[in-house]
Amino acid sequence: MISLHDFQNIELRVGEITAAERVAGADKLLKLTLDLGDETRQTVAGIGQSYEPEKLVGKQVVVVSNLEPAVIRGIRSEGMILAVGETGTDIVLIAPERPVQKGMRVR
């Protein structure tokens, strides 16, 4: 369990995927470029068995934007894309039901 205060410190924002490509040597990993309205970020997501990179461009997703950056397979990941499902082909990205302004906070 986390406190309400801890939860309020998590910054969830809507980003639009502007570029996506497979990470060399990894069947599950995709490198994504995200437009968060006021900045561009790069993330690495384990969704490569559920999504083809070229079909992700233009899609809006929910991102944990204040997560400490991590290096995954030598690539700096600056956020976390939210999704549901187990590993493999059943992963579904969390997205707004209709287009919204890039960078909007999820409340």
PDB file of N, CA and C in Angstrom:
ATOM      1  N   MET A   1       0.836  -1.173   0.000  1.00  0.00           N
ATOM      2  CA  MET A   1       0.000   0.000   0.000  1.00  0.00           C
ATOM      3  C   MET A   1       0.890   1.250   0.000  1.00  0.00           C
ATOM      4  N   ILE A   2       0.456   2.248  -0.758  1.00  0.00           N
ATOM      5  CA  ILE A   2       1.135   3.539  -0.704  1.00  0.00           C
ATOM      6  C   ILE A   2       0.124   4.572  -0.212  1.00  0.00           C
ATOM      7  N   SER A   3       0.639   5.638   0.318  1.00  0.00           N
ATOM      8  CA  SER A   3      -0.245   6.688   0.828  1.00  0.00           C
ATOM      9  C   SER A   3      -0.783   7.528  -0.329  1.00  0.00           C
ATOM     10  N   LEU A   4      -1.842   8.259  -0.058  1.00  0.00           N
ATOM     11  CA  LEU A   4      -2.389   9.184  -1.043  1.00  0.00           C
ATOM     12  C   LEU A   4      -1.324  10.204  -1.433  1.00  0.00           C
ATOM     13  N   HIS A   5      -0.553  10.650  -0.456  1.00  0.00           N
ATOM     14  CA  HIS A   5       0.529  11.602  -0.727  1.00  0.00           C
ATOM     15  C   HIS A   5       1.525  11.020  -1.734  1.00  0.00           C
ATOM     16  N   ASP A   6       1.924   9.760  -1.541  1.00  0.00           N
ATOM     17  CA  ASP A   6       2.850   9.118  -2.479  1.00  0.00           C
ATOM     18  C   ASP A   6       2.245   9.046  -3.873  1.00  0.00           C
ATOM     19  N   PHE A   7       0.981   8.661  -3.953  1.00  0.00           N
ATOM     20  CA  PHE A   7       0.313   8.562  -5.254  1.00  0.00           C
ATOM     21  C   PHE A   7       0.242   9.921  -5.946  1.00  0.00           C
ATOM     22  N   GLN A   8      -0.027  10.966  -5.198  1.00  0.00           N
ATOM     23  CA  GLN A   8      -0.114  12.306  -5.783  1.00  0.00           C
ATOM     24  C   GLN A   8       1.220  12.781  -6.336  1.00  0.00           C
ATOM     25  N   ASN A   9       2.319  12.179  -5.914  1.00  0.00           N
ATOM     26  CA  ASN A   9       3.638  12.534  -6.421  1.00  0.00           C
ATOM     27  C   ASN A   9       3.967  11.865  -7.751  1.00  0.00           C
ATOM     28  N   ILE A  10       3.154  10.913  -8.184  1.00  0.00           N
ATOM     29  CA  ILE A  10       3.371  10.253  -9.471  1.00  0.00           C
ATOM     30  C   ILE A  10       2.761  11.134 -10.556  1.00  0.00           C
ATOM     31  N   GLU A  11       3.584  11.542 -11.514  1.00  0.00           N
ATOM     32  CA  GLU A  11       3.110  12.407 -12.587  1.00  0.00           C
ATOM     33  C   GLU A  11       2.796  11.567 -13.824  1.00  0.00           C
ATOM     34  N   LEU A  12       1.507  11.427 -14.104  1.00  0.00           N
ATOM     35  CA  LEU A  12       1.047  10.708 -15.289  1.00  0.00           C
ATOM     36  C   LEU A  12       0.656  11.745 -16.328  1.00  0.00           C
ATOM     37  N   ARG A  13       1.245  11.641 -17.529  1.00  0.00           N
ATOM     38  CA  ARG A  13       0.962  12.588 -18.603  1.00  0.00           C
ATOM     39  C   ARG A  13       0.669  11.830 -19.887  1.00  0.00           C
ATOM     40  N   VAL A  14      -0.027  12.492 -20.798  1.00  0.00           N
ATOM     41  CA  VAL A  14      -0.322  11.909 -22.099  1.00  0.00           C
ATOM     42  C   VAL A  14       0.783  12.317 -23.069  1.00  0.00           C
ATOM     43  N   GLY A  15       1.332  11.321 -23.739  1.00  0.00           N
ATOM     44  CA  GLY A  15       2.341  11.572 -24.759  1.00  0.00           C
ATOM     45  C   GLY A  15       1.905  10.955 -26.075  1.00  0.00           C
ATOM     46  N   GLU A  16       2.387  11.525 -27.163  1.00  0.00           N
ATOM     47  CA  GLU A  16       2.111  10.967 -28.486  1.00  0.00           C
ATOM     48  C   GLU A  16       3.391  10.339 -29.031  1.00  0.00           C
ATOM     49  N   ILE A  17       3.281   9.115 -29.486  1.00  0.00           N
ATOM     50  CA  ILE A  17       4.439   8.416 -30.045  1.00  0.00           C
ATOM     51  C   ILE A  17       4.736   9.011 -31.418  1.00  0.00           C
ATOM     52  N   THR A  18       5.945   9.540 -31.582  1.00  0.00           N
ATOM     53  CA  THR A  18       6.344  10.147 -32.854  1.00  0.00           C
ATOM     54  C   THR A  18       7.306   9.265 -33.648  1.00  0.00           C
ATOM     55  N   ALA A  19       7.924   8.307 -32.971  1.00  0.00           N
ATOM     56  CA  ALA A  19       8.824   7.363 -33.649  1.00  0.00           C
ATOM     57  C   ALA A  19       8.895   6.099 -32.804  1.00  0.00           C
ATOM     58  N   ALA A  20       9.050   4.963 -33.489  1.00  0.00           N
ATOM     59  CA  ALA A  20       9.152   3.677 -32.793  1.00  0.00           C
ATOM     60  C   ALA A  20      10.032   2.756 -33.612  1.00  0.00           C
ATOM     61  N   GLU A  21      10.895   2.029 -32.918  1.00  0.00           N
ATOM     62  CA  GLU A  21      11.758   1.064 -33.601  1.00  0.00           C
ATOM     63  C   GLU A  21      12.119  -0.070 -32.652  1.00  0.00           C
ATOM     64  N   ARG A  22      12.433  -1.197 -33.222  1.00  0.00           N
ATOM     65  CA  ARG A  22      12.847  -2.348 -32.424  1.00  0.00           C
ATOM     66  C   ARG A  22      14.245  -2.125 -31.866  1.00  0.00           C
ATOM     67  N   VAL A  23      14.495  -2.651 -30.684  1.00  0.00           N
ATOM     68  CA  VAL A  23      15.820  -2.616 -30.084  1.00  0.00           C
ATOM     69  C   VAL A  23      16.569  -3.838 -30.599  1.00  0.00           C
ATOM     70  N   ALA A  24      17.721  -3.617 -31.186  1.00  0.00           N
ATOM     71  CA  ALA A  24      18.516  -4.703 -31.764  1.00  0.00           C
ATOM     72  C   ALA A  24      18.803  -5.780 -30.728  1.00  0.00           C
ATOM     73  N   GLY A  25      18.556  -7.027 -31.106  1.00  0.00           N
ATOM     74  CA  GLY A  25      18.848  -8.162 -30.250  1.00  0.00           C
ATOM     75  C   GLY A  25      17.820  -8.440 -29.168  1.00  0.00           C
ATOM     76  N   ALA A  26      16.691  -7.723 -29.189  1.00  0.00           N
ATOM     77  CA  ALA A  26      15.654  -7.917 -28.168  1.00  0.00           C
ATOM     78  C   ALA A  26      14.303  -8.039 -28.860  1.00  0.00           C
ATOM     79  N   ASP A  27      13.643  -9.179 -28.712  1.00  0.00           N
ATOM     80  CA  ASP A  27      12.355  -9.376 -29.401  1.00  0.00           C
ATOM     81  C   ASP A  27      11.198  -8.654 -28.720  1.00  0.00           C
ATOM     82  N   LYS A  28      11.330  -8.298 -27.440  1.00  0.00           N
ATOM     83  CA  LYS A  28      10.232  -7.649 -26.714  1.00  0.00           C
ATOM     84  C   LYS A  28      10.359  -6.127 -26.644  1.00  0.00           C
ATOM     85  N   LEU A  29      11.557  -5.595 -26.827  1.00  0.00           N
ATOM     86  CA  LEU A  29      11.789  -4.179 -26.566  1.00  0.00           C
ATOM     87  C   LEU A  29      11.629  -3.289 -27.786  1.00  0.00           C
ATOM     88  N   LEU A  30      10.950  -2.156 -27.565  1.00  0.00           N
ATOM     89  CA  LEU A  30      10.830  -1.108 -28.578  1.00  0.00           C
ATOM     90  C   LEU A  30      11.361   0.187 -27.992  1.00  0.00           C
ATOM     91  N   LYS A  31      12.076   0.954 -28.814  1.00  0.00           N
ATOM     92  CA  LYS A  31      12.500   2.297 -28.425  1.00  0.00           C
ATOM     93  C   LYS A  31      11.476   3.261 -29.000  1.00  0.00           C
ATOM     94  N   LEU A  32      10.876   4.079 -28.138  1.00  0.00           N
ATOM     95  CA  LEU A  32       9.822   5.001 -28.541  1.00  0.00           C
ATOM     96  C   LEU A  32      10.250   6.436 -28.283  1.00  0.00           C
ATOM     97  N   THR A  33       9.921   7.323 -29.205  1.00  0.00           N
ATOM     98  CA  THR A  33      10.098   8.753 -29.003  1.00  0.00           C
ATOM     99  C   THR A  33       8.713   9.325 -28.736  1.00  0.00           C
ATOM    100  N   LEU A  34       8.590  10.106 -27.667  1.00  0.00           N
ATOM    101  CA  LEU A  34       7.300  10.636 -27.234  1.00  0.00           C
ATOM    102  C   LEU A  34       7.308  12.157 -27.240  1.00  0.00           C
ATOM    103  N   ASP A  35       6.225  12.740 -27.743  1.00  0.00           N
ATOM    104  CA  ASP A  35       6.008  14.179 -27.671  1.00  0.00           C
ATOM    105  C   ASP A  35       5.090  14.425 -26.485  1.00  0.00           C
ATOM    106  N   LEU A  36       5.610  15.105 -25.460  1.00  0.00           N
ATOM    107  CA  LEU A  36       4.818  15.412 -24.268  1.00  0.00           C
ATOM    108  C   LEU A  36       4.341  16.863 -24.281  1.00  0.00           C
ATOM    109  N   GLY A  37       4.274  17.458 -25.447  1.00  0.00           N
ATOM    110  CA  GLY A  37       3.794  18.823 -25.574  1.00  0.00           C
ATOM    111  C   GLY A  37       4.895  19.844 -25.434  1.00  0.00           C
ATOM    112  N   ASP A  38       5.531  19.894 -24.280  1.00  0.00           N
ATOM    113  CA  ASP A  38       6.590  20.867 -24.038  1.00  0.00           C
ATOM    114  C   ASP A  38       7.986  20.261 -24.118  1.00  0.00           C
ATOM    115  N   GLU A  39       8.063  18.968 -24.369  1.00  0.00           N
ATOM    116  CA  GLU A  39       9.366  18.293 -24.477  1.00  0.00           C
ATOM    117  C   GLU A  39       9.215  16.962 -25.197  1.00  0.00           C
ATOM    118  N   THR A  40      10.335  16.458 -25.659  1.00  0.00           N
ATOM    119  CA  THR A  40      10.394  15.149 -26.303  1.00  0.00           C
ATOM    120  C   THR A  40      11.177  14.222 -25.396  1.00  0.00           C
ATOM    121  N   ARG A  41      10.679  12.996 -25.245  1.00  0.00           N
ATOM    122  CA  ARG A  41      11.348  11.995 -24.407  1.00  0.00           C
ATOM    123  C   ARG A  41      11.523  10.706 -25.191  1.00  0.00           C
ATOM    124  N   GLN A  42      12.456   9.912 -24.726  1.00  0.00           N
ATOM    125  CA  GLN A  42      12.700   8.586 -25.283  1.00  0.00           C
ATOM    126  C   GLN A  42      12.434   7.563 -24.191  1.00  0.00           C
ATOM    127  N   THR A  43      11.738   6.480 -24.536  1.00  0.00           N
ATOM    128  CA  THR A  43      11.500   5.404 -23.578  1.00  0.00           C
ATOM    129  C   THR A  43      11.781   4.068 -24.238  1.00  0.00           C
ATOM    130  N   VAL A  44      11.999   3.078 -23.415  1.00  0.00           N
ATOM    131  CA  VAL A  44      12.120   1.705 -23.872  1.00  0.00           C
ATOM    132  C   VAL A  44      10.972   0.941 -23.232  1.00  0.00           C
ATOM    133  N   ALA A  45      10.209   0.226 -24.056  1.00  0.00           N
ATOM    134  CA  ALA A  45       9.038  -0.489 -23.554  1.00  0.00           C
ATOM    135  C   ALA A  45       9.061  -1.938 -24.022  1.00  0.00           C
ATOM    136  N   GLY A  46       8.653  -2.850 -23.161  1.00  0.00           N
ATOM    137  CA  GLY A  46       8.625  -4.279 -23.469  1.00  0.00           C
ATOM    138  C   GLY A  46       7.322  -4.689 -24.142  1.00  0.00           C
ATOM    139  N   ILE A  47       6.988  -4.039 -25.239  1.00  0.00           N
ATOM    140  CA  ILE A  47       5.712  -4.283 -25.922  1.00  0.00           C
ATOM    141  C   ILE A  47       5.905  -4.811 -27.349  1.00  0.00           C
ATOM    142  N   GLY A  48       7.115  -5.213 -27.678  1.00  0.00           N
ATOM    143  CA  GLY A  48       7.455  -5.591 -29.051  1.00  0.00           C
ATOM    144  C   GLY A  48       6.780  -6.842 -29.574  1.00  0.00           C
ATOM    145  N   GLN A  49       6.245  -7.694 -28.712  1.00  0.00           N
ATOM    146  CA  GLN A  49       5.527  -8.874 -29.184  1.00  0.00           C
ATOM    147  C   GLN A  49       4.048  -8.580 -29.402  1.00  0.00           C
ATOM    148  N   SER A  50       3.581  -7.438 -28.890  1.00  0.00           N
ATOM    149  CA  SER A  50       2.173  -7.072 -29.020  1.00  0.00           C
ATOM    150  C   SER A  50       1.934  -5.995 -30.076  1.00  0.00           C
ATOM    151  N   TYR A  51       2.952  -5.212 -30.390  1.00  0.00           N
ATOM    152  CA  TYR A  51       2.795  -4.080 -31.306  1.00  0.00           C
ATOM    153  C   TYR A  51       3.909  -4.036 -32.341  1.00  0.00           C
ATOM    154  N   GLU A  52       3.543  -3.694 -33.561  1.00  0.00           N
ATOM    155  CA  GLU A  52       4.514  -3.413 -34.622  1.00  0.00           C
ATOM    156  C   GLU A  52       4.877  -1.938 -34.505  1.00  0.00           C
ATOM    157  N   PRO A  53       6.156  -1.615 -34.539  1.00  0.00           N
ATOM    158  CA  PRO A  53       6.569  -0.222 -34.329  1.00  0.00           C
ATOM    159  C   PRO A  53       5.869   0.784 -35.237  1.00  0.00           C
ATOM    160  N   GLU A  54       5.751   0.474 -36.513  1.00  0.00           N
ATOM    161  CA  GLU A  54       5.171   1.432 -37.461  1.00  0.00           C
ATOM    162  C   GLU A  54       3.695   1.737 -37.177  1.00  0.00           C
ATOM    163  N   LYS A  55       3.006   0.847 -36.481  1.00  0.00           N
ATOM    164  CA  LYS A  55       1.593   1.065 -36.167  1.00  0.00           C
ATOM    165  C   LYS A  55       1.399   1.909 -34.904  1.00  0.00           C
ATOM    166  N   LEU A  56       2.471   2.180 -34.183  1.00  0.00           N
ATOM    167  CA  LEU A  56       2.379   2.969 -32.957  1.00  0.00           C
ATOM    168  C   LEU A  56       2.497   4.473 -33.191  1.00  0.00           C
ATOM    169  N   VAL A  57       3.111   4.868 -34.291  1.00  0.00           N
ATOM    170  CA  VAL A  57       3.340   6.289 -34.558  1.00  0.00           C
ATOM    171  C   VAL A  57       1.995   7.014 -34.656  1.00  0.00           C
ATOM    172  N   GLY A  58       1.859   8.095 -33.886  1.00  0.00           N
ATOM    173  CA  GLY A  58       0.629   8.869 -33.838  1.00  0.00           C
ATOM    174  C   GLY A  58      -0.301   8.479 -32.703  1.00  0.00           C
ATOM    175  N   LYS A  59      -0.010   7.376 -32.024  1.00  0.00           N
ATOM    176  CA  LYS A  59      -0.863   6.896 -30.929  1.00  0.00           C
ATOM    177  C   LYS A  59      -0.542   7.658 -29.644  1.00  0.00           C
ATOM    178  N   GLN A  60      -1.579   8.033 -28.908  1.00  0.00           N
ATOM    179  CA  GLN A  60      -1.390   8.648 -27.602  1.00  0.00           C
ATOM    180  C   GLN A  60      -1.370   7.564 -26.525  1.00  0.00           C
ATOM    181  N   VAL A  61      -0.493   7.757 -25.531  1.00  0.00           N
ATOM    182  CA  VAL A  61      -0.334   6.800 -24.447  1.00  0.00           C
ATOM    183  C   VAL A  61      -0.187   7.553 -23.135  1.00  0.00           C
ATOM    184  N   VAL A  62      -0.365   6.850 -22.027  1.00  0.00           N
ATOM    185  CA  VAL A  62      -0.155   7.422 -20.700  1.00  0.00           C
ATOM    186  C   VAL A  62       1.253   7.049 -20.239  1.00  0.00           C
ATOM    187  N   VAL A  63       1.967   8.052 -19.735  1.00  0.00           N
ATOM    188  CA  VAL A  63       3.376   7.898 -19.374  1.00  0.00           C
ATOM    189  C   VAL A  63       3.596   8.340 -17.931  1.00  0.00           C
ATOM    190  N   VAL A  64       4.374   7.566 -17.173  1.00  0.00           N
ATOM    191  CA  VAL A  64       4.875   8.043 -15.882  1.00  0.00           C
ATOM    192  C   VAL A  64       6.060   8.929 -16.237  1.00  0.00           C
ATOM    193  N   SER A  65       5.866  10.241 -16.113  1.00  0.00           N
ATOM    194  CA  SER A  65       6.871  11.170 -16.643  1.00  0.00           C
ATOM    195  C   SER A  65       7.900  11.633 -15.619  1.00  0.00           C
ATOM    196  N   ASN A  66       7.672  11.362 -14.351  1.00  0.00           N
ATOM    197  CA  ASN A  66       8.667  11.787 -13.361  1.00  0.00           C
ATOM    198  C   ASN A  66       9.419  10.599 -12.760  1.00  0.00           C
ATOM    199  N   LEU A  67       9.475   9.517 -13.503  1.00  0.00           N
ATOM    200  CA  LEU A  67      10.247   8.345 -13.083  1.00  0.00           C
ATOM    201  C   LEU A  67      11.726   8.608 -13.355  1.00  0.00           C
ATOM    202  N   GLU A  68      12.566   8.212 -12.442  1.00  0.00           N
ATOM    203  CA  GLU A  68      14.005   8.378 -12.639  1.00  0.00           C
ATOM    204  C   GLU A  68      14.442   7.643 -13.904  1.00  0.00           C
ATOM    205  N   PRO A  69      15.229   8.284 -14.776  1.00  0.00           N
ATOM    206  CA  PRO A  69      15.671   7.615 -16.008  1.00  0.00           C
ATOM    207  C   PRO A  69      16.468   6.342 -15.704  1.00  0.00           C
ATOM    208  N   ALA A  70      16.385   5.392 -16.630  1.00  0.00           N
ATOM    209  CA  ALA A  70      17.126   4.132 -16.517  1.00  0.00           C
ATOM    210  C   ALA A  70      17.770   3.849 -17.866  1.00  0.00           C
ATOM    211  N   VAL A  71      18.824   3.070 -17.846  1.00  0.00           N
ATOM    212  CA  VAL A  71      19.468   2.649 -19.093  1.00  0.00           C
ATOM    213  C   VAL A  71      19.113   1.183 -19.322  1.00  0.00           C
ATOM    214  N   ILE A  72      18.457   0.915 -20.454  1.00  0.00           N
ATOM    215  CA  ILE A  72      18.027  -0.430 -20.806  1.00  0.00           C
ATOM    216  C   ILE A  72      18.665  -0.797 -22.133  1.00  0.00           C
ATOM    217  N   ARG A  73      19.473  -1.843 -22.131  1.00  0.00           N
ATOM    218  CA  ARG A  73      20.192  -2.271 -23.336  1.00  0.00           C
ATOM    219  C   ARG A  73      20.977  -1.119 -23.958  1.00  0.00           C
ATOM    220  N   GLY A  74      21.554  -0.283 -23.104  1.00  0.00           N
ATOM    221  CA  GLY A  74      22.365   0.829 -23.565  1.00  0.00           C
ATOM    222  C   GLY A  74      21.580   2.039 -24.031  1.00  0.00           C
ATOM    223  N   ILE A  75      20.261   2.013 -23.867  1.00  0.00           N
ATOM    224  CA  ILE A  75      19.404   3.119 -24.305  1.00  0.00           C
ATOM    225  C   ILE A  75      18.814   3.793 -23.071  1.00  0.00           C
ATOM    226  N   ARG A  76      18.916   5.113 -23.008  1.00  0.00           N
ATOM    227  CA  ARG A  76      18.341   5.865 -21.891  1.00  0.00           C
ATOM    228  C   ARG A  76      16.819   5.894 -22.040  1.00  0.00           C
ATOM    229  N   SER A  77      16.129   5.448 -20.999  1.00  0.00           N
ATOM    230  CA  SER A  77      14.667   5.429 -20.971  1.00  0.00           C
ATOM    231  C   SER A  77      14.203   6.475 -19.972  1.00  0.00           C
ATOM    232  N   GLU A  78      13.414   7.463 -20.449  1.00  0.00           N
ATOM    233  CA  GLU A  78      13.044   8.617 -19.650  1.00  0.00           C
ATOM    234  C   GLU A  78      11.542   8.636 -19.340  1.00  0.00           C
ATOM    235  N   GLY A  79      11.055   7.556 -18.786  1.00  0.00           N
ATOM    236  CA  GLY A  79       9.652   7.446 -18.442  1.00  0.00           C
ATOM    237  C   GLY A  79       9.193   6.014 -18.610  1.00  0.00           C
ATOM    238  N   MET A  80       7.940   5.763 -18.256  1.00  0.00           N
ATOM    239  CA  MET A  80       7.391   4.424 -18.401  1.00  0.00           C
ATOM    240  C   MET A  80       6.007   4.522 -19.024  1.00  0.00           C
ATOM    241  N   ILE A  81       5.800   3.777 -20.092  1.00  0.00           N
ATOM    242  CA  ILE A  81       4.501   3.693 -20.751  1.00  0.00           C
ATOM    243  C   ILE A  81       3.629   2.746 -19.929  1.00  0.00           C
ATOM    244  N   LEU A  82       2.382   3.131 -19.664  1.00  0.00           N
ATOM    245  CA  LEU A  82       1.489   2.256 -18.913  1.00  0.00           C
ATOM    246  C   LEU A  82       0.754   1.301 -19.848  1.00  0.00           C
ATOM    247  N   ALA A  83       0.645   0.057 -19.413  1.00  0.00           N
ATOM    248  CA  ALA A  83      -0.020  -0.987 -20.197  1.00  0.00           C
ATOM    249  C   ALA A  83      -0.592  -2.023 -19.238  1.00  0.00           C
ATOM    250  N   VAL A  84      -1.484  -2.855 -19.756  1.00  0.00           N
ATOM    251  CA  VAL A  84      -2.033  -3.968 -18.987  1.00  0.00           C
ATOM    252  C   VAL A  84      -1.719  -5.264 -19.724  1.00  0.00           C
ATOM    253  N   GLY A  85      -1.734  -6.352 -18.988  1.00  0.00           N
ATOM    254  CA  GLY A  85      -1.483  -7.657 -19.585  1.00  0.00           C
ATOM    255  C   GLY A  85      -0.157  -8.221 -19.146  1.00  0.00           C
ATOM    256  N   GLU A  86       0.001  -9.496 -19.410  1.00  0.00           N
ATOM    257  CA  GLU A  86       1.245 -10.182 -19.090  1.00  0.00           C
ATOM    258  C   GLU A  86       2.205 -10.034 -20.264  1.00  0.00           C
ATOM    259  N   THR A  87       3.404 -10.529 -20.102  1.00  0.00           N
ATOM    260  CA  THR A  87       4.359 -10.465 -21.203  1.00  0.00           C
ATOM    261  C   THR A  87       3.872 -11.310 -22.369  1.00  0.00           C
ATOM    262  N   GLY A  88       4.329 -10.971 -23.533  1.00  0.00           N
ATOM    263  CA  GLY A  88       3.924 -11.705 -24.726  1.00  0.00           C
ATOM    264  C   GLY A  88       3.031 -10.879 -25.610  1.00  0.00           C
ATOM    265  N   THR A  89       2.038 -11.518 -26.198  1.00  0.00           N
ATOM    266  CA  THR A  89       1.216 -10.858 -27.206  1.00  0.00           C
ATOM    267  C   THR A  89      -0.074 -10.254 -26.666  1.00  0.00           C
ATOM    268  N   ASP A  90      -0.310 -10.321 -25.361  1.00  0.00           N
ATOM    269  CA  ASP A  90      -1.581  -9.821 -24.832  1.00  0.00           C
ATOM    270  C   ASP A  90      -1.476  -8.460 -24.142  1.00  0.00           C
ATOM    271  N   ILE A  91      -0.397  -7.729 -24.364  1.00  0.00           N
ATOM    272  CA  ILE A  91      -0.218  -6.424 -23.742  1.00  0.00           C
ATOM    273  C   ILE A  91      -1.057  -5.379 -24.478  1.00  0.00           C
ATOM    274  N   VAL A  92      -1.756  -4.534 -23.708  1.00  0.00           N
ATOM    275  CA  VAL A  92      -2.583  -3.464 -24.268  1.00  0.00           C
ATOM    276  C   VAL A  92      -2.155  -2.150 -23.625  1.00  0.00           C
ATOM    277  N   LEU A  93      -1.848  -1.161 -24.438  1.00  0.00           N
ATOM    278  CA  LEU A  93      -1.431   0.146 -23.941  1.00  0.00           C
ATOM    279  C   LEU A  93      -2.608   0.908 -23.333  1.00  0.00           C
ATOM    280  N   ILE A  94      -2.325   1.669 -22.287  1.00  0.00           N
ATOM    281  CA  ILE A  94      -3.318   2.543 -21.671  1.00  0.00           C
ATOM    282  C   ILE A  94      -3.299   3.859 -22.450  1.00  0.00           C
ATOM    283  N   ALA A  95      -4.475   4.274 -22.932  1.00  0.00           N
ATOM    284  CA  ALA A  95      -4.558   5.472 -23.762  1.00  0.00           C
ATOM    285  C   ALA A  95      -5.867   6.203 -23.499  1.00  0.00           C
ATOM    286  N   PRO A  96      -5.899   7.518 -23.756  1.00  0.00           N
ATOM    287  CA  PRO A  96      -7.170   8.231 -23.637  1.00  0.00           C
ATOM    288  C   PRO A  96      -8.170   7.698 -24.658  1.00  0.00           C
ATOM    289  N   GLU A  97      -9.459   7.771 -24.336  1.00  0.00           N
ATOM    290  CA  GLU A  97     -10.470   7.236 -25.249  1.00  0.00           C
ATOM    291  C   GLU A  97     -10.654   8.102 -26.487  1.00  0.00           C
ATOM    292  N   ARG A  98     -10.218   9.358 -26.411  1.00  0.00           N
ATOM    293  CA  ARG A  98     -10.231  10.237 -27.584  1.00  0.00           C
ATOM    294  C   ARG A  98      -8.988  11.123 -27.507  1.00  0.00           C
ATOM    295  N   PRO A  99      -8.551  11.703 -28.609  1.00  0.00           N
ATOM    296  CA  PRO A  99      -7.338  12.539 -28.584  1.00  0.00           C
ATOM    297  C   PRO A  99      -7.463  13.706 -27.602  1.00  0.00           C
ATOM    298  N   VAL A 100      -6.381  13.953 -26.884  1.00  0.00           N
ATOM    299  CA  VAL A 100      -6.302  15.072 -25.948  1.00  0.00           C
ATOM    300  C   VAL A 100      -5.005  15.825 -26.217  1.00  0.00           C
ATOM    301  N   GLN A 101      -4.870  16.966 -25.592  1.00  0.00           N
ATOM    302  CA  GLN A 101      -3.658  17.769 -25.755  1.00  0.00           C
ATOM    303  C   GLN A 101      -2.449  16.998 -25.224  1.00  0.00           C
ATOM    304  N   LYS A 102      -1.384  16.976 -26.000  1.00  0.00           N
ATOM    305  CA  LYS A 102      -0.160  16.300 -25.579  1.00  0.00           C
ATOM    306  C   LYS A 102       0.390  16.951 -24.318  1.00  0.00           C
ATOM    307  N   GLY A 103       0.814  16.131 -23.384  1.00  0.00           N
ATOM    308  CA  GLY A 103       1.375  16.613 -22.143  1.00  0.00           C
ATOM    309  C   GLY A 103       0.376  16.774 -21.010  1.00  0.00           C
ATOM    310  N   MET A 104      -0.916  16.630 -21.305  1.00  0.00           N
ATOM    311  CA  MET A 104      -1.918  16.784 -20.250  1.00  0.00           C
ATOM    312  C   MET A 104      -1.666  15.789 -19.118  1.00  0.00           C
ATOM    313  N   ARG A 105      -1.905  16.252 -17.909  1.00  0.00           N
ATOM    314  CA  ARG A 105      -1.770  15.362 -16.744  1.00  0.00           C
ATOM    315  C   ARG A 105      -3.018  14.525 -16.587  1.00  0.00           C
ATOM    316  N   VAL A 106      -2.811  13.287 -16.197  1.00  0.00           N
ATOM    317  CA  VAL A 106      -3.906  12.379 -15.882  1.00  0.00           C
ATOM    318  C   VAL A 106      -4.298  12.638 -14.441  1.00  0.00           C
ATOM    319  N   ARG A 107      -5.577  12.797 -14.203  1.00  0.00           N
ATOM    320  CA  ARG A 107      -6.056  13.114 -12.848  1.00  0.00           C
ATOM    321  C   ARG A 107      -7.079  12.107 -12.404  1.00  0.00           C
TER     322      ARG A 107
END
